[in-house]
Amino acid sequence: MNAANKITFLRVLLSPVFFVLFFLPIWTPFPVCIAIPLIGVIFAIIEFSDLFDGKVARKLNQVTDFGKLLDPFGDSISRITYFFCFTISAYMPAWIFILILYRDMSVSFMRQLVAKEGIVMPSRMSGKIKAWVYAIAGIAGTLYHFAVLLGAGASVPWVFTAAMNALFFLAAATAIWTLADYMLALRKN
């Protein structure tokens, strides 16, 4: 496994760690003052690894078909994990989570269809935009969770809650748009 793929695989490994840390202070007496920085660091590593794995692959001439498949898989696993955490915690509406989940499963299915014909479906610009929208929505949800863990969830300004909800709606809209974009790309193959 080359360096770029190791960076991508780190996202896959850290996703269940994020899940456990997200709920650990709720399920156990695990100290919030330790959980919050750990959750923040893991979230940052997940998102920055998505930013850097492709750059490393191109710079070191390590772009591979495996990496083209592993990268969107790592993206899906990590983002579905934190959106699931937000949904379970009632920060994100379940219908938004389902749209995101269905979108990712559908795009994965399309990738498998073309892979049977020896074609690797690369990431599209819409997918890169989706990654940014999901990351920003993820930041908002994570920050809100920090407020909840600190016992300040009810006192979060309505403007922040409204912005977080708007970002979740934008994530849903982006999921639909990118699914349509990938479907159009599939029809061209």
Protein backbone atom coordinates (compact mmCIF):
# COMPACT_ATOMS: atom_id res chain seq x y z
CA MET A 1 0.00 0.00 0.00
CA ASN A 2 1.53 3.29 -1.08
CA ALA A 3 1.72 6.46 1.08
CA ALA A 4 -1.38 8.07 -0.42
CA ASN A 5 -3.48 4.96 0.16
CA LYS A 6 -2.23 4.73 3.75
CA ILE A 7 -3.47 8.28 4.34
CA THR A 8 -6.83 7.34 2.85
CA PHE A 9 -7.02 4.12 4.87
CA LEU A 10 -6.44 6.18 8.02
CA ARG A 11 -9.92 7.69 7.45
CA VAL A 12 -11.42 4.22 7.43
CA LEU A 13 -9.62 3.27 10.66
CA LEU A 14 -10.49 6.49 12.48
CA SER A 15 -14.20 6.41 11.65
CA PRO A 16 -15.20 3.86 14.33
CA VAL A 17 -12.90 5.66 16.78
CA PHE A 18 -14.82 8.88 16.11
CA PHE A 19 -18.11 7.03 16.69
CA VAL A 20 -16.99 5.60 20.03
CA LEU A 21 -15.52 8.88 21.26
CA PHE A 22 -18.63 10.78 20.18
CA PHE A 23 -20.80 8.71 22.54
CA LEU A 24 -18.28 7.65 25.19
CA PRO A 25 -18.94 10.62 27.52
CA ILE A 26 -22.68 9.94 27.23
CA TRP A 27 -22.45 6.19 27.79
CA THR A 28 -19.73 6.24 30.46
CA PRO A 29 -18.14 8.65 32.93
CA PHE A 30 -15.38 9.34 30.37
CA PRO A 31 -14.25 12.93 30.99
CA VAL A 32 -15.69 15.49 28.57
CA CYS A 33 -12.51 17.56 28.86
CA ILE A 34 -10.62 14.67 27.23
CA ALA A 35 -13.33 13.60 24.79
CA ILE A 36 -13.82 17.00 23.17
CA PRO A 37 -10.19 17.51 22.08
CA LEU A 38 -9.93 13.89 20.93
CA ILE A 39 -13.12 14.14 18.87
CA GLY A 40 -11.87 17.41 17.38
CA VAL A 41 -8.46 15.99 16.49
CA ILE A 42 -9.93 12.85 14.94
CA PHE A 43 -12.45 14.87 12.94
CA ALA A 44 -9.62 17.14 11.72
CA ILE A 45 -7.43 14.17 10.73
CA ILE A 46 -10.34 12.59 8.85
CA GLU A 47 -11.08 15.75 6.89
CA PHE A 48 -7.46 16.79 6.27
CA SER A 49 -6.57 13.28 5.14
CA ASP A 50 -9.26 13.64 2.48
CA LEU A 51 -7.65 16.89 1.38
CA PHE A 52 -4.11 15.54 1.28
CA ASP A 53 -4.31 11.94 0.06
CA GLY A 54 -4.99 12.95 -3.54
CA LYS A 55 -2.28 15.62 -3.46
CA VAL A 56 0.23 13.08 -2.13
CA ALA A 57 -0.81 10.55 -4.79
CA ARG A 58 -0.30 13.07 -7.59
CA LYS A 59 2.94 14.53 -6.19
CA LEU A 60 4.53 11.10 -5.64
CA ASN A 61 3.05 9.70 -8.85
CA GLN A 62 1.09 7.15 -6.81
CA VAL A 63 -2.31 7.48 -8.46
CA THR A 64 -3.70 3.95 -8.70
CA ASP A 65 -7.02 2.34 -9.58
CA PHE A 66 -7.09 0.98 -6.02
CA GLY A 67 -6.68 4.49 -4.65
CA LYS A 68 -9.45 5.78 -6.90
CA LEU A 69 -11.75 3.22 -5.28
CA LEU A 70 -10.40 3.48 -1.72
CA ASP A 71 -10.71 7.28 -1.57
CA PRO A 72 -14.50 7.49 -2.09
CA PHE A 73 -14.93 4.47 0.19
CA GLY A 74 -12.98 6.25 2.94
CA ASP A 75 -15.03 9.38 2.34
CA SER A 76 -18.30 7.48 2.64
CA ILE A 77 -17.32 5.54 5.75
CA SER A 78 -16.09 8.61 7.60
CA ARG A 79 -18.90 10.97 6.66
CA ILE A 80 -21.66 8.43 7.11
CA THR A 81 -20.20 7.79 10.56
CA TYR A 82 -20.39 11.37 11.73
CA PHE A 83 -23.74 12.05 10.08
CA PHE A 84 -25.06 8.89 11.78
CA CYS A 85 -23.80 10.24 15.12
CA PHE A 86 -25.64 13.51 14.48
CA THR A 87 -28.82 11.65 13.51
CA ILE A 88 -28.76 9.38 16.58
CA SER A 89 -28.25 12.49 18.72
CA ALA A 90 -31.23 14.22 17.03
CA TYR A 91 -29.11 17.06 15.64
CA MET A 92 -29.69 16.00 12.03
CA PRO A 93 -33.06 14.88 10.64
CA ALA A 94 -33.12 11.18 9.77
CA TRP A 95 -34.37 11.85 6.23
CA ILE A 96 -31.20 13.83 5.49
CA PHE A 97 -29.06 10.97 6.75
CA ILE A 98 -31.00 8.50 4.58
CA LEU A 99 -30.53 10.70 1.47
CA ILE A 100 -26.79 10.88 2.12
CA LEU A 101 -26.59 7.13 2.76
CA TYR A 102 -28.60 6.28 -0.37
CA ARG A 103 -26.50 8.65 -2.46
CA ASP A 104 -23.24 7.07 -1.31
CA MET A 105 -24.52 3.52 -1.79
CA SER A 106 -25.83 4.40 -5.26
CA VAL A 107 -22.55 5.96 -6.38
CA SER A 108 -20.67 2.92 -5.02
CA PHE A 109 -22.99 0.66 -7.01
CA MET A 110 -22.35 2.70 -10.17
CA ARG A 111 -18.60 2.40 -9.60
CA GLN A 112 -18.99 -1.37 -9.35
CA LEU A 113 -21.01 -1.48 -12.56
CA VAL A 114 -18.34 0.27 -14.60
CA ALA A 115 -15.55 -1.61 -12.82
CA LYS A 116 -16.97 -4.84 -14.28
CA GLU A 117 -16.14 -3.35 -17.68
CA GLY A 118 -12.61 -2.45 -16.58
CA ILE A 119 -13.40 1.24 -16.09
CA VAL A 120 -12.61 3.11 -12.89
CA MET A 121 -15.07 5.93 -12.37
CA PRO A 122 -12.97 8.82 -11.05
CA SER A 123 -14.20 11.46 -8.66
CA ARG A 124 -16.14 14.27 -10.29
CA MET A 125 -16.02 17.97 -9.51
CA SER A 126 -19.50 17.67 -8.00
CA GLY A 127 -18.09 15.06 -5.63
CA LYS A 128 -15.34 17.43 -4.55
CA ILE A 129 -17.90 20.16 -3.86
CA LYS A 130 -19.96 17.62 -1.92
CA ALA A 131 -16.90 16.81 0.19
CA TRP A 132 -16.56 20.48 1.18
CA VAL A 133 -20.26 20.84 1.97
CA TYR A 134 -20.24 17.64 4.05
CA ALA A 135 -17.07 18.74 5.87
CA ILE A 136 -18.53 22.14 6.79
CA ALA A 137 -21.80 20.53 7.90
CA GLY A 138 -19.71 18.05 9.90
CA ILE A 139 -17.84 20.88 11.61
CA ALA A 140 -21.14 22.51 12.57
CA GLY A 141 -22.57 19.26 13.95
CA THR A 142 -19.38 18.49 15.86
CA LEU A 143 -19.27 21.96 17.41
CA TYR A 144 -22.90 21.64 18.43
CA HIS A 145 -22.08 18.28 20.02
CA PHE A 146 -19.30 19.94 22.01
CA ALA A 147 -21.85 22.42 23.37
CA VAL A 148 -24.16 19.54 24.31
CA LEU A 149 -21.34 17.68 26.06
CA LEU A 150 -20.52 20.83 28.01
CA GLY A 151 -24.15 21.13 29.07
CA ALA A 152 -24.74 24.24 26.96
CA GLY A 153 -26.81 22.69 24.17
CA ALA A 154 -29.97 24.55 25.17
CA SER A 155 -28.14 27.88 25.26
CA VAL A 156 -26.57 27.62 21.80
CA PRO A 157 -27.60 30.77 19.91
CA TRP A 158 -30.49 30.18 17.53
CA VAL A 159 -28.37 31.63 14.72
CA PHE A 160 -25.84 28.81 15.07
CA THR A 161 -28.57 26.16 15.24
CA ALA A 162 -30.26 27.66 12.18
CA ALA A 163 -26.92 27.74 10.30
CA MET A 164 -26.22 24.11 11.26
CA ASN A 165 -29.67 23.05 10.04
CA ALA A 166 -29.17 25.01 6.81
CA LEU A 167 -25.86 23.20 6.28
CA PHE A 168 -27.57 19.85 6.84
CA PHE A 169 -30.24 20.79 4.25
CA LEU A 170 -27.46 21.89 1.88
CA ALA A 171 -25.76 18.51 2.41
CA ALA A 172 -29.03 16.79 1.42
CA ALA A 173 -29.40 18.96 -1.67
CA THR A 174 -25.77 18.33 -2.60
CA ALA A 175 -26.29 14.58 -2.20
CA ILE A 176 -29.17 14.68 -4.68
CA TRP A 177 -27.27 16.90 -7.13
CA THR A 178 -24.12 14.78 -7.07
CA LEU A 179 -26.10 11.56 -7.48
CA ALA A 180 -27.71 13.03 -10.60
CA ASP A 181 -24.28 14.14 -11.86
CA TYR A 182 -22.80 10.65 -11.39
CA MET A 183 -25.83 9.08 -13.07
CA LEU A 184 -25.31 11.33 -16.10
CA ALA A 185 -21.63 10.40 -16.17
CA LEU A 186 -22.56 6.71 -16.02
CA ARG A 187 -24.89 7.07 -18.99
CA LYS A 188 -22.00 8.49 -21.03
CA ASN A 189 -19.83 5.41 -20.32
